[in-house]
């Protein structure tokens, strides 16, 4: 009886891990640096980690975000549920070129923030009137969601001899 219970538990965990695999296959952002915020004895410290990610659809725009990363035993094992405090800054880093049309609020980047239930998402929109790209980062949970968020804007400017494209021309209506 105990062996069948253990076998069922192992199969359940394996099935849940298989469901989480698509979140693990996403491109990883570039780690810029980490700064320890709370020292832990014999286990990893709590840290703030700053990452960079290029917008895959809008060449010439990069976003930097900082997330807290839990240390301790749960952080070391990778099972800690991370808090939802995320800051975001996006900038034009070269001439802006749109690769395809996009929808308002379309997901630009996603990262798992807990073993199964929480994801951080960066979505993109266009302020047509001002020709500004608007990026929003937030985290969501399957059960209750999260009100924590941060917004960053990127005014599309001419770069060298290249004129500035209009983001509104690339919206998929």
N, C-alpha and C. Protein backbone atom coordinates (compact mmCIF):
# COMPACT_ATOMS: atom_id res chain seq x y z
N UNK A 1 0.83 -1.20 0.00
CA UNK A 1 0.00 0.00 0.00
C UNK A 1 0.87 1.26 0.00
N UNK A 2 1.91 1.28 0.83
CA UNK A 2 2.79 2.43 0.92
C UNK A 2 3.56 2.63 -0.38
N UNK A 3 3.98 1.54 -1.03
CA UNK A 3 4.71 1.65 -2.29
C UNK A 3 3.83 2.25 -3.37
N UNK A 4 2.56 1.85 -3.43
CA UNK A 4 1.67 2.40 -4.45
C UNK A 4 1.38 3.87 -4.18
N UNK A 5 1.30 4.26 -2.92
CA UNK A 5 1.11 5.67 -2.59
C UNK A 5 2.32 6.50 -3.02
N UNK A 6 3.53 5.99 -2.72
CA UNK A 6 4.76 6.70 -3.12
C UNK A 6 4.88 6.77 -4.63
N UNK A 7 4.53 5.68 -5.33
CA UNK A 7 4.60 5.67 -6.79
C UNK A 7 3.64 6.73 -7.36
N UNK A 8 2.43 6.81 -6.81
CA UNK A 8 1.44 7.80 -7.27
C UNK A 8 1.94 9.22 -6.99
N UNK A 9 2.57 9.43 -5.84
CA UNK A 9 3.09 10.77 -5.52
C UNK A 9 4.21 11.16 -6.47
N UNK A 10 5.11 10.22 -6.77
CA UNK A 10 6.22 10.51 -7.69
C UNK A 10 5.67 10.80 -9.08
N UNK A 11 4.69 10.03 -9.55
CA UNK A 11 4.09 10.28 -10.86
C UNK A 11 3.38 11.63 -10.91
N UNK A 12 2.74 12.01 -9.81
CA UNK A 12 2.06 13.31 -9.75
C UNK A 12 3.06 14.45 -9.85
N UNK A 13 4.17 14.35 -9.12
CA UNK A 13 5.21 15.38 -9.18
C UNK A 13 5.81 15.44 -10.59
N UNK A 14 6.04 14.29 -11.21
CA UNK A 14 6.59 14.26 -12.56
C UNK A 14 5.62 14.91 -13.55
N UNK A 15 4.33 14.66 -13.40
CA UNK A 15 3.33 15.28 -14.28
C UNK A 15 3.31 16.79 -14.09
N UNK A 16 3.39 17.26 -12.86
CA UNK A 16 3.41 18.70 -12.61
C UNK A 16 4.68 19.33 -13.18
N UNK A 17 5.81 18.65 -13.07
CA UNK A 17 7.06 19.17 -13.64
C UNK A 17 6.96 19.25 -15.16
N UNK A 18 6.32 18.27 -15.78
CA UNK A 18 6.15 18.31 -17.24
C UNK A 18 5.29 19.49 -17.65
N UNK A 19 4.30 19.85 -16.84
CA UNK A 19 3.48 21.02 -17.16
C UNK A 19 4.29 22.30 -17.06
N UNK A 20 5.28 22.34 -16.20
CA UNK A 20 6.09 23.55 -16.01
C UNK A 20 7.19 23.69 -17.06
N UNK A 21 7.48 22.65 -17.84
CA UNK A 21 8.57 22.70 -18.80
C UNK A 21 8.45 23.80 -19.84
N UNK A 22 7.27 24.09 -20.42
CA UNK A 22 7.23 25.19 -21.40
C UNK A 22 7.72 26.51 -20.83
N UNK A 23 7.47 26.78 -19.55
CA UNK A 23 7.95 28.02 -18.95
C UNK A 23 9.47 28.02 -18.85
N UNK A 24 10.08 26.85 -18.73
CA UNK A 24 11.53 26.77 -18.63
C UNK A 24 12.22 26.93 -19.98
N UNK A 25 11.48 26.73 -21.09
CA UNK A 25 12.11 26.77 -22.40
C UNK A 25 12.22 28.17 -22.97
N UNK A 26 11.65 29.16 -22.31
CA UNK A 26 11.72 30.54 -22.81
C UNK A 26 13.16 31.04 -22.77
N UNK A 27 13.49 31.97 -23.69
CA UNK A 27 14.83 32.54 -23.70
C UNK A 27 15.11 33.22 -22.37
N UNK A 28 16.31 33.03 -21.89
CA UNK A 28 16.70 33.64 -20.63
C UNK A 28 17.21 35.06 -20.87
N UNK A 29 16.90 35.97 -19.97
CA UNK A 29 17.44 37.33 -20.10
C UNK A 29 18.91 37.35 -19.72
N UNK A 30 19.59 38.42 -20.07
CA UNK A 30 21.00 38.59 -19.72
C UNK A 30 21.10 39.11 -18.29
N UNK A 31 21.84 38.39 -17.44
CA UNK A 31 22.08 38.86 -16.07
C UNK A 31 23.11 39.97 -16.12
N UNK A 32 22.78 41.13 -15.56
CA UNK A 32 23.71 42.25 -15.49
C UNK A 32 24.50 42.17 -14.19
N UNK A 33 23.81 42.08 -13.05
CA UNK A 33 24.48 41.88 -11.76
C UNK A 33 23.45 41.50 -10.72
N UNK A 34 23.97 40.99 -9.58
CA UNK A 34 23.14 40.68 -8.40
C UNK A 34 23.76 41.38 -7.20
N UNK A 35 22.92 41.82 -6.30
CA UNK A 35 23.36 42.50 -5.07
C UNK A 35 22.68 41.82 -3.89
N UNK A 36 23.48 41.31 -2.94
CA UNK A 36 22.91 40.67 -1.75
C UNK A 36 22.22 41.71 -0.88
N UNK A 37 21.07 41.35 -0.35
CA UNK A 37 20.32 42.25 0.52
C UNK A 37 20.17 41.70 1.93
N UNK A 38 20.17 40.37 2.07
CA UNK A 38 20.07 39.73 3.39
C UNK A 38 21.04 38.57 3.40
N UNK A 39 21.94 38.58 4.38
CA UNK A 39 22.93 37.51 4.50
C UNK A 39 22.28 36.29 5.14
N UNK A 40 22.57 35.11 4.59
CA UNK A 40 22.09 33.85 5.14
C UNK A 40 23.28 32.96 5.46
N UNK A 41 23.24 32.31 6.59
CA UNK A 41 24.33 31.43 7.01
C UNK A 41 24.17 30.07 6.34
N UNK A 42 25.19 29.61 5.63
CA UNK A 42 25.26 28.29 4.98
C UNK A 42 24.31 28.11 3.79
N UNK A 43 23.53 29.07 3.45
CA UNK A 43 22.65 28.98 2.28
C UNK A 43 22.77 30.28 1.48
N UNK A 44 22.28 30.30 0.25
CA UNK A 44 22.38 31.53 -0.55
C UNK A 44 21.68 32.72 0.13
N UNK A 45 22.24 33.91 -0.08
CA UNK A 45 21.66 35.15 0.43
C UNK A 45 20.43 35.53 -0.38
N UNK A 46 19.55 36.37 0.23
CA UNK A 46 18.51 37.03 -0.56
C UNK A 46 19.21 38.07 -1.42
N UNK A 47 18.75 38.25 -2.66
CA UNK A 47 19.43 39.17 -3.57
C UNK A 47 18.42 39.97 -4.38
N UNK A 48 18.91 41.06 -4.94
CA UNK A 48 18.23 41.76 -6.02
C UNK A 48 19.03 41.46 -7.28
N UNK A 49 18.35 41.04 -8.32
CA UNK A 49 19.03 40.67 -9.57
C UNK A 49 18.51 41.56 -10.69
N UNK A 50 19.44 42.16 -11.45
CA UNK A 50 19.08 43.03 -12.57
C UNK A 50 19.41 42.31 -13.88
N UNK A 51 18.41 42.27 -14.75
CA UNK A 51 18.52 41.56 -16.03
C UNK A 51 18.20 42.51 -17.17
N UNK A 52 18.65 42.14 -18.37
CA UNK A 52 18.33 42.87 -19.60
C UNK A 52 17.68 41.91 -20.58
N UNK A 53 16.70 42.42 -21.32
CA UNK A 53 16.05 41.63 -22.36
C UNK A 53 15.75 42.57 -23.53
N UNK A 54 16.07 42.11 -24.74
CA UNK A 54 15.75 42.87 -25.94
C UNK A 54 14.33 42.54 -26.38
N UNK A 55 13.61 43.55 -26.85
CA UNK A 55 12.27 43.30 -27.37
C UNK A 55 12.43 42.47 -28.64
N UNK A 56 11.85 41.27 -28.68
CA UNK A 56 12.05 40.41 -29.85
C UNK A 56 11.36 40.91 -31.12
N UNK A 57 10.38 41.79 -30.97
CA UNK A 57 9.61 42.28 -32.12
C UNK A 57 10.02 43.69 -32.53
N UNK A 58 10.64 44.44 -31.63
CA UNK A 58 11.03 45.82 -31.91
C UNK A 58 12.54 45.94 -31.73
N UNK A 59 13.25 45.87 -32.82
CA UNK A 59 14.71 46.00 -32.78
C UNK A 59 15.06 47.42 -32.36
N UNK A 60 16.07 47.56 -31.50
CA UNK A 60 16.50 48.87 -31.04
C UNK A 60 15.90 49.26 -29.70
N UNK A 61 15.16 48.36 -29.06
CA UNK A 61 14.58 48.63 -27.73
C UNK A 61 15.00 47.51 -26.78
N UNK A 62 15.51 47.89 -25.61
CA UNK A 62 15.89 46.94 -24.58
C UNK A 62 15.23 47.34 -23.27
N UNK A 63 14.91 46.34 -22.47
CA UNK A 63 14.33 46.59 -21.14
C UNK A 63 15.25 45.97 -20.10
N UNK A 64 15.38 46.67 -18.97
CA UNK A 64 16.10 46.18 -17.81
C UNK A 64 15.08 46.05 -16.68
N UNK A 65 15.13 44.94 -15.97
CA UNK A 65 14.23 44.76 -14.84
C UNK A 65 15.01 44.20 -13.67
N UNK A 66 14.56 44.56 -12.47
CA UNK A 66 15.18 44.08 -11.24
C UNK A 66 14.13 43.31 -10.46
N UNK A 67 14.51 42.11 -10.04
CA UNK A 67 13.61 41.25 -9.28
C UNK A 67 14.31 40.77 -8.01
N UNK A 68 13.55 40.61 -6.92
CA UNK A 68 14.14 40.00 -5.73
C UNK A 68 14.24 38.49 -5.93
N UNK A 69 15.32 37.90 -5.45
CA UNK A 69 15.50 36.45 -5.51
C UNK A 69 15.75 35.95 -4.10
N UNK A 70 14.89 35.05 -3.64
CA UNK A 70 14.99 34.53 -2.29
C UNK A 70 16.16 33.57 -2.16
N UNK A 71 16.82 33.68 -1.04
CA UNK A 71 17.88 32.75 -0.70
C UNK A 71 17.34 31.70 0.24
N UNK A 72 18.16 31.33 1.19
CA UNK A 72 17.75 30.31 2.14
C UNK A 72 17.61 28.95 1.48
N UNK A 73 17.07 28.00 2.20
CA UNK A 73 16.92 26.63 1.71
C UNK A 73 15.95 26.58 0.54
N UNK A 74 14.80 27.25 0.66
CA UNK A 74 13.81 27.18 -0.42
C UNK A 74 14.32 27.84 -1.71
N UNK A 75 15.07 28.92 -1.59
CA UNK A 75 15.65 29.53 -2.78
C UNK A 75 16.73 28.65 -3.38
N UNK A 76 17.51 28.02 -2.53
CA UNK A 76 18.58 27.13 -2.98
C UNK A 76 18.01 25.93 -3.74
N UNK A 77 16.87 25.41 -3.27
CA UNK A 77 16.24 24.26 -3.91
C UNK A 77 15.39 24.66 -5.11
N UNK A 78 15.15 25.97 -5.28
CA UNK A 78 14.36 26.43 -6.42
C UNK A 78 12.86 26.30 -6.23
N UNK A 79 12.39 26.21 -5.00
CA UNK A 79 10.96 26.06 -4.74
C UNK A 79 10.35 27.28 -4.05
N UNK A 80 11.15 28.32 -3.82
CA UNK A 80 10.64 29.52 -3.16
C UNK A 80 9.69 30.26 -4.08
N UNK A 81 8.60 30.77 -3.52
CA UNK A 81 7.72 31.64 -4.30
C UNK A 81 8.26 33.05 -4.16
N UNK A 82 8.69 33.61 -5.27
CA UNK A 82 9.28 34.94 -5.26
C UNK A 82 8.21 36.00 -5.07
N UNK A 83 8.58 37.11 -4.44
CA UNK A 83 7.64 38.22 -4.26
C UNK A 83 7.44 38.93 -5.59
N UNK A 84 6.41 39.75 -5.65
CA UNK A 84 6.01 40.38 -6.91
C UNK A 84 6.59 41.76 -7.14
N UNK A 85 7.54 42.18 -6.34
CA UNK A 85 8.14 43.51 -6.49
C UNK A 85 9.14 43.50 -7.65
N UNK A 86 8.77 44.10 -8.77
CA UNK A 86 9.61 44.11 -9.96
C UNK A 86 9.67 45.55 -10.48
N UNK A 87 10.87 46.03 -10.77
CA UNK A 87 10.98 47.36 -11.38
C UNK A 87 11.40 47.19 -12.83
N UNK A 88 11.07 48.18 -13.66
CA UNK A 88 11.28 48.07 -15.11
C UNK A 88 11.74 49.41 -15.67
N UNK A 89 12.71 49.36 -16.58
CA UNK A 89 13.13 50.54 -17.34
C UNK A 89 13.45 50.07 -18.76
N UNK A 90 12.81 50.68 -19.74
CA UNK A 90 13.04 50.34 -21.15
C UNK A 90 13.55 51.58 -21.87
N UNK A 91 14.46 51.38 -22.83
CA UNK A 91 15.06 52.49 -23.55
C UNK A 91 15.30 52.14 -24.99
N UNK A 92 15.37 53.16 -25.83
CA UNK A 92 15.79 52.99 -27.20
C UNK A 92 17.31 52.90 -27.19
N UNK A 93 17.85 51.82 -27.77
CA UNK A 93 19.30 51.61 -27.76
C UNK A 93 19.89 51.58 -29.17
N UNK A 94 19.09 51.89 -30.15
CA UNK A 94 19.53 51.90 -31.54
C UNK A 94 18.36 52.33 -32.41
N UNK A 95 18.53 52.31 -33.73
CA UNK A 95 17.42 52.66 -34.59
C UNK A 95 16.27 51.66 -34.40
N UNK A 96 15.05 52.16 -34.27
CA UNK A 96 13.89 51.30 -34.05
C UNK A 96 13.41 50.73 -35.38
N UNK A 97 13.28 49.40 -35.40
CA UNK A 97 12.76 48.69 -36.56
C UNK A 97 11.74 47.68 -36.07
N UNK A 98 10.53 47.75 -36.59
CA UNK A 98 9.50 46.79 -36.22
C UNK A 98 9.62 45.58 -37.15
N UNK A 99 9.57 44.38 -36.58
CA UNK A 99 9.71 43.16 -37.35
C UNK A 99 8.36 42.61 -37.81
N UNK A 100 7.29 42.96 -37.10
CA UNK A 100 5.95 42.47 -37.43
C UNK A 100 4.93 43.32 -36.69
N UNK A 101 3.67 43.19 -37.09
CA UNK A 101 2.59 43.90 -36.40
C UNK A 101 2.37 43.26 -35.03
N UNK A 102 1.82 44.05 -34.09
CA UNK A 102 1.56 43.55 -32.75
C UNK A 102 0.25 44.12 -32.24
N UNK A 103 -0.28 43.50 -31.21
CA UNK A 103 -1.52 43.95 -30.57
C UNK A 103 -1.18 44.74 -29.31
N UNK A 104 -2.08 45.64 -28.93
CA UNK A 104 -1.93 46.36 -27.66
C UNK A 104 -1.92 45.34 -26.53
N UNK A 105 -0.96 45.46 -25.63
CA UNK A 105 -0.88 44.57 -24.48
C UNK A 105 -0.32 43.20 -24.79
N UNK A 106 0.34 43.06 -25.94
CA UNK A 106 0.91 41.77 -26.32
C UNK A 106 2.12 41.45 -25.44
N UNK A 107 2.23 40.18 -25.05
CA UNK A 107 3.34 39.75 -24.20
C UNK A 107 4.66 39.81 -24.96
N UNK A 108 5.64 40.46 -24.35
CA UNK A 108 6.97 40.59 -24.94
C UNK A 108 7.95 39.61 -24.27
N UNK A 109 7.76 39.34 -22.98
CA UNK A 109 8.65 38.46 -22.23
C UNK A 109 7.89 37.87 -21.06
N UNK A 110 8.27 36.63 -20.70
CA UNK A 110 7.64 35.96 -19.57
C UNK A 110 8.70 35.14 -18.84
N UNK A 111 8.58 35.12 -17.51
CA UNK A 111 9.52 34.35 -16.69
C UNK A 111 8.78 33.76 -15.51
N UNK A 112 9.08 32.50 -15.22
CA UNK A 112 8.47 31.82 -14.08
C UNK A 112 9.03 32.41 -12.79
N UNK A 113 8.16 32.67 -11.80
CA UNK A 113 8.60 33.25 -10.52
C UNK A 113 8.33 32.33 -9.34
N UNK A 114 7.73 31.17 -9.56
CA UNK A 114 7.58 30.15 -8.53
C UNK A 114 7.52 28.81 -9.24
N UNK A 115 7.53 27.75 -8.48
CA UNK A 115 7.58 26.41 -9.07
C UNK A 115 6.46 26.21 -10.10
N UNK A 116 5.25 26.68 -9.79
CA UNK A 116 4.14 26.44 -10.72
C UNK A 116 3.21 27.62 -10.93
N UNK A 117 2.98 28.43 -9.94
CA UNK A 117 1.81 29.28 -9.96
C UNK A 117 2.02 30.74 -10.31
N UNK A 118 3.23 31.25 -10.33
CA UNK A 118 3.42 32.68 -10.53
C UNK A 118 4.33 32.93 -11.71
N UNK A 119 3.95 33.89 -12.56
CA UNK A 119 4.78 34.28 -13.69
C UNK A 119 4.91 35.80 -13.70
N UNK A 120 6.08 36.26 -14.13
CA UNK A 120 6.29 37.68 -14.39
C UNK A 120 6.11 37.86 -15.89
N UNK A 121 5.39 38.91 -16.28
CA UNK A 121 5.16 39.17 -17.69
C UNK A 121 5.50 40.62 -18.02
N UNK A 122 6.11 40.84 -19.17
CA UNK A 122 6.30 42.19 -19.71
C UNK A 122 5.47 42.24 -20.98
N UNK A 123 4.56 43.21 -21.03
CA UNK A 123 3.71 43.39 -22.20
C UNK A 123 4.00 44.75 -22.83
N UNK A 124 3.67 44.87 -24.11
CA UNK A 124 4.00 46.08 -24.88
C UNK A 124 2.72 46.67 -25.47
N UNK A 125 2.71 48.02 -25.54
CA UNK A 125 1.62 48.73 -26.19
C UNK A 125 2.18 49.95 -26.90
N UNK A 126 1.30 50.66 -27.56
CA UNK A 126 1.72 51.85 -28.32
C UNK A 126 0.80 53.01 -27.98
N UNK A 127 1.37 54.12 -27.57
CA UNK A 127 0.64 55.38 -27.41
C UNK A 127 0.73 56.06 -28.78
N UNK A 128 -0.32 55.89 -29.58
CA UNK A 128 -0.32 56.35 -30.97
C UNK A 128 -0.13 57.86 -31.05
N UNK A 129 -0.84 58.60 -30.20
CA UNK A 129 -0.80 60.06 -30.24
C UNK A 129 0.61 60.60 -30.05
N UNK A 130 1.40 59.98 -29.16
CA UNK A 130 2.72 60.49 -28.82
C UNK A 130 3.87 59.70 -29.47
N UNK A 131 3.53 58.65 -30.23
CA UNK A 131 4.52 57.76 -30.85
C UNK A 131 5.50 57.22 -29.80
N UNK A 132 4.92 56.61 -28.77
CA UNK A 132 5.69 56.10 -27.64
C UNK A 132 5.31 54.64 -27.41
N UNK A 133 6.32 53.79 -27.28
CA UNK A 133 6.07 52.41 -26.86
C UNK A 133 5.92 52.40 -25.34
N UNK A 134 4.97 51.65 -24.85
CA UNK A 134 4.69 51.56 -23.42
C UNK A 134 4.86 50.11 -23.00
N UNK A 135 5.70 49.89 -21.99
CA UNK A 135 5.95 48.55 -21.47
C UNK A 135 5.43 48.47 -20.05
N UNK A 136 4.76 47.38 -19.73
CA UNK A 136 4.20 47.14 -18.40
C UNK A 136 4.72 45.79 -17.91
N UNK A 137 5.27 45.76 -16.70
CA UNK A 137 5.66 44.50 -16.08
C UNK A 137 4.72 44.24 -14.91
N UNK A 138 4.29 42.99 -14.78
CA UNK A 138 3.44 42.60 -13.65
C UNK A 138 3.65 41.11 -13.41
N UNK A 139 3.22 40.66 -12.26
CA UNK A 139 3.27 39.22 -11.99
C UNK A 139 1.85 38.76 -11.75
N UNK A 140 1.59 37.53 -12.14
CA UNK A 140 0.25 36.99 -11.93
C UNK A 140 0.34 35.61 -11.31
N UNK A 141 -0.70 35.29 -10.56
CA UNK A 141 -0.84 33.98 -9.95
C UNK A 141 -2.11 33.37 -10.49
N UNK A 142 -2.11 32.06 -10.64
CA UNK A 142 -3.30 31.37 -11.12
C UNK A 142 -4.48 31.63 -10.18
N UNK A 143 -4.23 31.68 -8.88
CA UNK A 143 -5.31 31.74 -7.91
C UNK A 143 -5.80 33.16 -7.64
N UNK A 144 -4.91 34.12 -7.39
CA UNK A 144 -5.39 35.44 -6.96
C UNK A 144 -4.79 36.63 -7.71
N UNK A 145 -3.80 36.44 -8.56
CA UNK A 145 -3.22 37.56 -9.28
C UNK A 145 -2.33 38.41 -8.39
N UNK A 146 -1.90 39.54 -8.91
CA UNK A 146 -1.03 40.42 -8.15
C UNK A 146 -1.21 41.85 -8.64
N UNK A 147 -1.41 42.81 -7.73
CA UNK A 147 -1.57 44.20 -8.15
C UNK A 147 -0.25 44.91 -8.38
N UNK A 148 0.89 44.27 -8.07
CA UNK A 148 2.18 44.96 -8.20
C UNK A 148 2.55 45.06 -9.68
N UNK A 149 3.00 46.26 -10.08
CA UNK A 149 3.36 46.46 -11.48
C UNK A 149 4.29 47.66 -11.59
N UNK A 150 4.88 47.81 -12.78
CA UNK A 150 5.73 48.94 -13.08
C UNK A 150 5.60 49.21 -14.57
N UNK A 151 5.69 50.48 -14.96
CA UNK A 151 5.54 50.89 -16.35
C UNK A 151 6.77 51.67 -16.79
N UNK A 152 7.15 51.49 -18.05
CA UNK A 152 8.24 52.25 -18.64
C UNK A 152 7.83 52.64 -20.06
N UNK A 153 8.28 53.80 -20.51
CA UNK A 153 7.93 54.25 -21.86
C UNK A 153 9.19 54.52 -22.67
N UNK A 154 9.06 54.32 -23.98
CA UNK A 154 10.16 54.54 -24.91
C UNK A 154 9.67 55.44 -26.03
N UNK A 155 9.97 56.75 -25.98
CA UNK A 155 9.63 57.61 -27.12
C UNK A 155 10.47 57.18 -28.32
N UNK A 156 9.84 56.96 -29.45
CA UNK A 156 10.58 56.51 -30.63
C UNK A 156 11.18 57.75 -31.30
N UNK A 157 12.50 57.81 -31.31
CA UNK A 157 13.23 58.98 -31.82
C UNK A 157 14.03 58.61 -33.06
N UNK A 158 14.34 59.59 -33.92
CA UNK A 158 15.25 59.32 -35.03
C UNK A 158 16.60 58.88 -34.49
N UNK A 159 17.32 58.04 -35.24
CA UNK A 159 18.61 57.55 -34.80
C UNK A 159 19.58 57.72 -35.97
N UNK A 160 20.53 58.60 -35.82
CA UNK A 160 21.44 58.88 -36.93
C UNK A 160 20.66 59.45 -38.11
N UNK A 161 20.84 58.85 -39.26
CA UNK A 161 20.12 59.29 -40.47
C UNK A 161 18.75 58.65 -40.59
N UNK A 162 18.49 57.61 -39.79
CA UNK A 162 17.22 56.89 -39.88
C UNK A 162 16.09 57.71 -39.26
N UNK A 163 14.98 57.81 -39.96
CA UNK A 163 13.82 58.51 -39.40
C UNK A 163 13.10 57.59 -38.42
N UNK A 164 12.29 58.18 -37.58
CA UNK A 164 11.58 57.42 -36.56
C UNK A 164 10.30 56.82 -37.15
N UNK A 165 10.14 55.49 -37.05
CA UNK A 165 8.88 54.90 -37.52
C UNK A 165 7.74 55.24 -36.56
N UNK A 166 6.51 55.10 -37.00
CA UNK A 166 5.33 55.34 -36.17
C UNK A 166 4.85 54.00 -35.63
N UNK A 167 4.80 53.86 -34.30
CA UNK A 167 4.38 52.57 -33.72
C UNK A 167 2.93 52.26 -34.09
N UNK A 168 2.11 53.29 -34.28
CA UNK A 168 0.72 53.07 -34.65
C UNK A 168 0.56 52.38 -35.99
N UNK A 169 1.55 52.53 -36.87
CA UNK A 169 1.49 51.85 -38.17
C UNK A 169 1.70 50.36 -38.04
N UNK A 170 2.18 49.90 -36.90
CA UNK A 170 2.49 48.49 -36.69
C UNK A 170 1.51 47.79 -35.76
N UNK A 171 0.44 48.50 -35.36
CA UNK A 171 -0.58 47.88 -34.53
C UNK A 171 -1.46 46.97 -35.36
N UNK A 172 -1.75 45.79 -34.82
CA UNK A 172 -2.64 44.84 -35.47
C UNK A 172 -4.03 45.06 -34.89
N UNK A 173 -4.87 45.67 -35.69
CA UNK A 173 -6.22 46.00 -35.18
C UNK A 173 -7.21 44.90 -35.41
